[in-house]
Protein backbone atom coordinates (compact mmCIF):
# COMPACT_ATOMS: atom_id res chain seq x y z
CA UNK A 1 17.68 17.44 3.11
CA UNK A 2 18.77 15.59 -0.06
CA UNK A 3 16.44 15.09 -3.04
CA UNK A 4 17.35 12.04 -5.25
CA UNK A 5 15.27 12.21 -8.68
CA UNK A 6 14.80 9.64 -11.64
CA UNK A 7 12.51 8.17 -13.89
CA UNK A 8 10.97 4.96 -12.59
CA UNK A 9 13.29 2.03 -12.74
CA UNK A 10 16.44 3.72 -12.73
CA UNK A 11 17.45 2.70 -9.27
CA UNK A 12 16.50 5.07 -6.52
CA UNK A 13 15.37 3.02 -4.26
CA UNK A 14 18.13 0.75 -4.38
CA UNK A 15 20.60 3.49 -4.11
CA UNK A 16 18.69 4.89 -1.42
CA UNK A 17 19.04 1.59 0.37
CA UNK A 18 22.77 1.50 -0.36
CA UNK A 19 23.03 4.87 1.18
CA UNK A 20 21.32 3.69 4.43
CA UNK A 21 23.83 0.77 4.91
CA UNK A 22 26.58 2.80 4.25
CA UNK A 23 25.41 5.46 6.98
CA UNK A 24 24.71 2.36 9.48
CA UNK A 25 28.34 0.89 8.81
CA UNK A 26 30.06 4.50 9.31
CA UNK A 27 27.66 5.19 12.17
CA UNK A 28 26.91 8.55 11.03
CA UNK A 29 23.69 8.51 12.75
CA UNK A 30 22.05 6.76 15.66
CA UNK A 31 19.26 5.56 13.42
CA UNK A 32 18.45 5.09 9.94
CA UNK A 33 14.75 4.98 9.08
CA UNK A 34 13.35 4.24 5.84
CA UNK A 35 9.91 4.58 4.96
CA UNK A 36 7.81 3.98 1.51
CA UNK A 37 5.60 7.16 0.59
CA UNK A 38 4.05 6.03 -2.62
CA UNK A 39 1.35 7.89 -4.65
CA UNK A 40 -1.42 7.63 -2.70
CA UNK A 41 -0.37 9.27 0.71
CA UNK A 42 -1.16 7.65 3.59
CA UNK A 43 0.13 9.53 6.82
CA UNK A 44 -0.69 6.58 9.48
CA UNK A 45 1.11 4.42 7.26
CA UNK A 46 4.24 6.12 7.41
CA UNK A 47 4.12 6.96 10.70
CA UNK A 48 3.85 3.60 11.72
CA UNK A 49 7.01 2.30 9.62
CA UNK A 50 9.04 4.91 11.45
CA UNK A 51 7.58 3.75 14.59
CA UNK A 52 8.59 0.27 14.00
CA UNK A 53 12.10 1.49 13.01
CA UNK A 54 12.32 3.73 16.03
CA UNK A 55 10.91 1.54 18.84
CA UNK A 56 8.01 3.58 19.41
CA UNK A 57 4.60 2.23 20.54
CA UNK A 58 2.13 4.56 19.89
CA UNK A 59 -0.79 5.03 22.82
CA UNK A 60 -2.38 8.02 20.79
CA UNK A 61 -5.45 7.25 18.42
CA UNK A 62 -5.22 10.17 16.55
CA UNK A 63 -2.91 11.57 13.77
CA UNK A 64 -1.80 14.48 15.70
CA UNK A 65 -0.82 12.72 18.43
CA UNK A 66 1.26 10.10 16.86
CA UNK A 67 3.27 12.83 14.89
CA UNK A 68 3.80 14.44 18.65
CA UNK A 69 5.41 11.42 19.99
CA UNK A 70 7.38 10.70 16.47
CA UNK A 71 8.84 14.28 16.90
CA UNK A 72 9.68 14.00 20.40
CA UNK A 73 11.48 10.63 19.94
CA UNK A 74 13.20 12.04 16.64
CA UNK A 75 14.53 15.15 18.46
CA UNK A 76 16.53 13.01 20.59
CA UNK A 77 18.13 10.88 18.38
CA UNK A 78 20.34 11.55 15.49
CA UNK A 79 18.30 9.99 12.69
CA UNK A 80 18.49 9.66 8.75
CA UNK A 81 15.36 9.60 7.62
CA UNK A 82 14.89 8.19 3.94
CA UNK A 83 11.66 8.97 2.55
CA UNK A 84 11.26 6.66 -0.63
CA UNK A 85 8.86 7.17 -3.62
CA UNK A 86 7.61 10.74 -2.83
CA UNK A 87 4.87 12.23 -5.55
CA UNK A 88 4.07 15.51 -3.89
CA UNK A 89 4.75 17.87 -0.97
CA UNK A 90 5.12 16.34 2.25
CA UNK A 91 3.99 18.33 5.55
CA UNK A 92 6.39 17.32 7.71
CA UNK A 93 4.94 18.30 11.15
CA UNK A 94 1.61 16.25 10.29
CA UNK A 95 4.12 12.94 9.75
CA UNK A 96 6.10 13.72 12.99
CA UNK A 97 9.25 15.01 11.50
CA UNK A 98 10.62 17.97 13.36
CA UNK A 99 11.86 20.65 11.28
CA UNK A 100 13.51 22.71 14.09
CA UNK A 101 14.88 22.07 17.68
CA UNK A 102 16.12 18.46 16.42
CA UNK A 103 19.48 16.61 17.77
CA UNK A 104 20.57 15.89 13.93
CA UNK A 105 17.61 14.72 11.79
CA UNK A 106 18.18 14.93 8.37
CA UNK A 107 16.11 13.84 5.59
CA UNK A 108 17.11 12.00 1.91
CA UNK A 109 14.00 11.74 -0.41
CA UNK A 110 13.69 10.08 -3.83
CA UNK A 111 10.81 10.92 -6.39
CA UNK A 112 10.11 10.64 -10.01
CA UNK A 113 9.93 13.97 -10.40
CA UNK A 114 12.39 17.09 -9.82
CA UNK A 115 9.80 19.68 -9.22
CA UNK A 116 9.19 17.76 -5.55
CA UNK A 117 12.78 18.26 -4.92
CA UNK A 118 12.23 21.91 -5.34
CA UNK A 119 8.85 22.33 -3.65
CA UNK A 120 10.03 20.25 -0.76
CA UNK A 121 13.10 22.87 -0.48
CA UNK A 122 15.83 20.65 -0.84
CA UNK A 123 19.27 21.80 -0.54
CA UNK A 124 20.77 19.36 -2.51
CA UNK A 125 19.12 18.12 -5.52
CA UNK A 126 20.75 14.99 -7.23
CA UNK A 127 19.64 13.23 -10.66
CA UNK A 128 20.18 9.77 -11.26
CA UNK A 129 21.09 9.32 -14.61
CA UNK A 130 20.26 6.02 -16.70
CA UNK A 131 23.17 3.39 -17.11
CA UNK A 132 25.53 3.63 -19.89
CA UNK A 133 25.74 1.23 -22.50
CA UNK A 134 28.82 -0.47 -20.96
CA UNK A 135 27.34 -0.43 -17.50
CA UNK A 136 23.66 -1.95 -18.69
CA UNK A 137 25.91 -4.69 -20.76
CA UNK A 138 28.13 -5.32 -17.83
CA UNK A 139 24.96 -5.51 -15.23
CA UNK A 140 23.14 -7.84 -17.90
CA UNK A 141 25.75 -10.32 -17.82
CA UNK A 142 25.53 -10.67 -14.28
CA UNK A 143 22.21 -11.46 -14.13
CA UNK A 144 21.58 -13.41 -17.14
CA UNK A 145 24.79 -15.40 -16.05
CA UNK A 146 26.69 -14.87 -19.86
CA UNK A 147 30.30 -14.43 -20.00
CA UNK A 148 32.79 -13.83 -23.24
CA UNK A 149 32.78 -17.45 -23.57
CA UNK A 150 29.16 -17.55 -24.29
CA UNK A 151 28.35 -18.33 -28.15
CA UNK A 152 28.51 -15.57 -30.35
CA UNK A 153 25.02 -15.77 -31.79
CA UNK A 154 23.57 -15.66 -27.90
CA UNK A 155 25.92 -12.62 -27.24
CA UNK A 156 24.42 -10.58 -30.32
CA UNK A 157 20.79 -11.04 -29.15
CA UNK A 158 21.83 -10.24 -26.05
CA UNK A 159 23.26 -6.88 -26.79
CA UNK A 160 20.28 -6.07 -28.79
CA UNK A 161 17.95 -6.99 -25.73
CA UNK A 162 20.03 -4.48 -23.31
CA UNK A 163 19.61 -1.81 -25.92
CA UNK A 164 15.57 -2.32 -25.84
CA UNK A 165 16.08 -1.98 -21.90
CA UNK A 166 17.25 1.76 -22.40
CA UNK A 167 19.56 1.82 -19.84
CA UNK A 168 16.81 1.18 -17.16
CA UNK A 169 18.48 -1.15 -14.13
CA UNK A 170 15.53 -2.56 -13.27
CA UNK A 171 14.23 -3.88 -16.53
CA UNK A 172 18.16 -4.99 -17.17
CA UNK A 173 17.96 -6.97 -14.20
CA UNK A 174 14.33 -8.10 -14.53
CA UNK A 175 14.84 -9.26 -17.99
CA UNK A 176 18.40 -11.01 -17.59
CA UNK A 177 17.46 -13.04 -14.60
CA UNK A 178 14.21 -14.07 -16.40
CA UNK A 179 16.36 -15.08 -19.35
CA UNK A 180 19.07 -17.06 -17.40
CA UNK A 181 19.40 -20.86 -18.60
CA UNK A 182 16.51 -20.44 -21.27
CA UNK A 183 17.14 -21.69 -24.88
CA UNK A 184 18.31 -19.49 -27.57
CA UNK A 185 14.72 -19.74 -29.29
CA UNK A 186 13.27 -18.23 -25.90
CA UNK A 187 16.10 -15.28 -26.14
CA UNK A 188 14.96 -14.65 -29.51
CA UNK A 189 11.31 -14.86 -28.61
CA UNK A 190 12.38 -12.10 -25.86
CA UNK A 191 13.81 -9.39 -28.24
CA UNK A 192 10.88 -9.86 -30.49
CA UNK A 193 8.36 -8.99 -27.91
CA UNK A 194 10.78 -6.13 -26.63
CA UNK A 195 11.15 -4.67 -30.26
CA UNK A 196 7.32 -5.06 -30.66
CA UNK A 197 6.84 -3.26 -27.24
CA UNK A 198 4.87 -6.45 -25.95
CA UNK A 199 5.35 -7.07 -22.16
CA UNK A 200 7.78 -9.87 -21.22
CA UNK A 201 6.65 -11.65 -17.93
CA UNK A 202 7.63 -8.45 -15.77
CA UNK A 203 5.63 -7.97 -12.72
CA UNK A 204 3.01 -4.84 -13.15
CA UNK A 205 4.73 -1.36 -12.34
CA UNK A 206 8.32 -2.32 -13.51
CA UNK A 207 7.32 -2.24 -17.51
CA UNK A 208 9.75 0.48 -18.87
CA UNK A 209 8.88 4.12 -19.47
CA UNK A 210 8.19 5.66 -22.85
CA UNK A 211 10.06 8.79 -24.25
CA UNK A 212 7.54 11.18 -25.70
CA UNK A 213 8.99 14.02 -27.90
CA UNK A 214 8.39 17.41 -26.36
CA UNK A 215 7.16 18.92 -29.49
CA UNK A 216 4.75 15.93 -30.15
CA UNK A 217 3.41 16.26 -26.37
CA UNK A 218 2.90 19.97 -26.75
CA UNK A 219 1.01 19.63 -30.16
CA UNK A 220 -1.34 16.76 -28.58
CA UNK A 221 -1.83 19.05 -25.43
CA UNK A 222 -2.43 22.05 -27.85
CA UNK A 223 -4.88 20.09 -30.06
CA UNK A 224 -7.04 18.53 -27.33
CA UNK A 225 -6.93 22.00 -25.36
CA UNK A 226 -5.40 20.92 -22.11
CA UNK A 227 -2.58 23.72 -22.30
CA UNK A 228 -5.01 26.56 -21.96
CA UNK A 229 -5.28 29.82 -23.93
CA UNK A 230 -1.65 31.53 -24.34
CA UNK A 231 -2.07 33.12 -27.82
CA UNK A 232 0.42 32.28 -30.16
CA UNK A 233 1.99 28.93 -30.59
CA UNK A 234 5.08 30.00 -29.77
CA UNK A 235 4.01 31.76 -26.50
CA UNK A 236 2.17 28.36 -25.64
CA UNK A 237 5.50 26.63 -26.42
CA UNK A 238 7.40 28.45 -23.85
């Protein structure tokens, strides 16, 4: 089992999909099954998504019966299961993912929290870094459709907009695409909104995360008595 973690918008889902496509091209597995887990865990929904990809038709009404049918199917088919957007430790047996005695069932999970990878006992844990400034600029140019021949003033504003996207691919793609073919005034307005932390016309859930300094977070937690009783400040920090 491989765990891929990174903050929201860092491109985990996109990368997992590309892995799935590559695996299918190379025929490393008989089946590739990708399911969205999400924050509110719904076992039946996960089972239904997996069943659709595997061609399984449930006759059972209970979650347990469905899990058994999925497990039997997966034990006989070499399958890569991609569990996207995992927020908590999952019970594979409850879902129907066989842990033992399977022909070659492997799991790739994506999560925002590295701790989830540890709780799930992933054999390999991979952190997805944010884009470098050069990567971010290249990606933005593609989606905003600007190039070296674009007006200098526009490129100056574009660079500042990219900086405000903080290396998050989903923010860069969304903002870049929204500015394509827009006037220079609209580009400047977009930059102003980003600098003032006012959301652009970005769908809910795609706005940027905000970095909070650990010391600030600690002091707020201590002041609100959320950390508990740990004696000295230094012990509480640890």
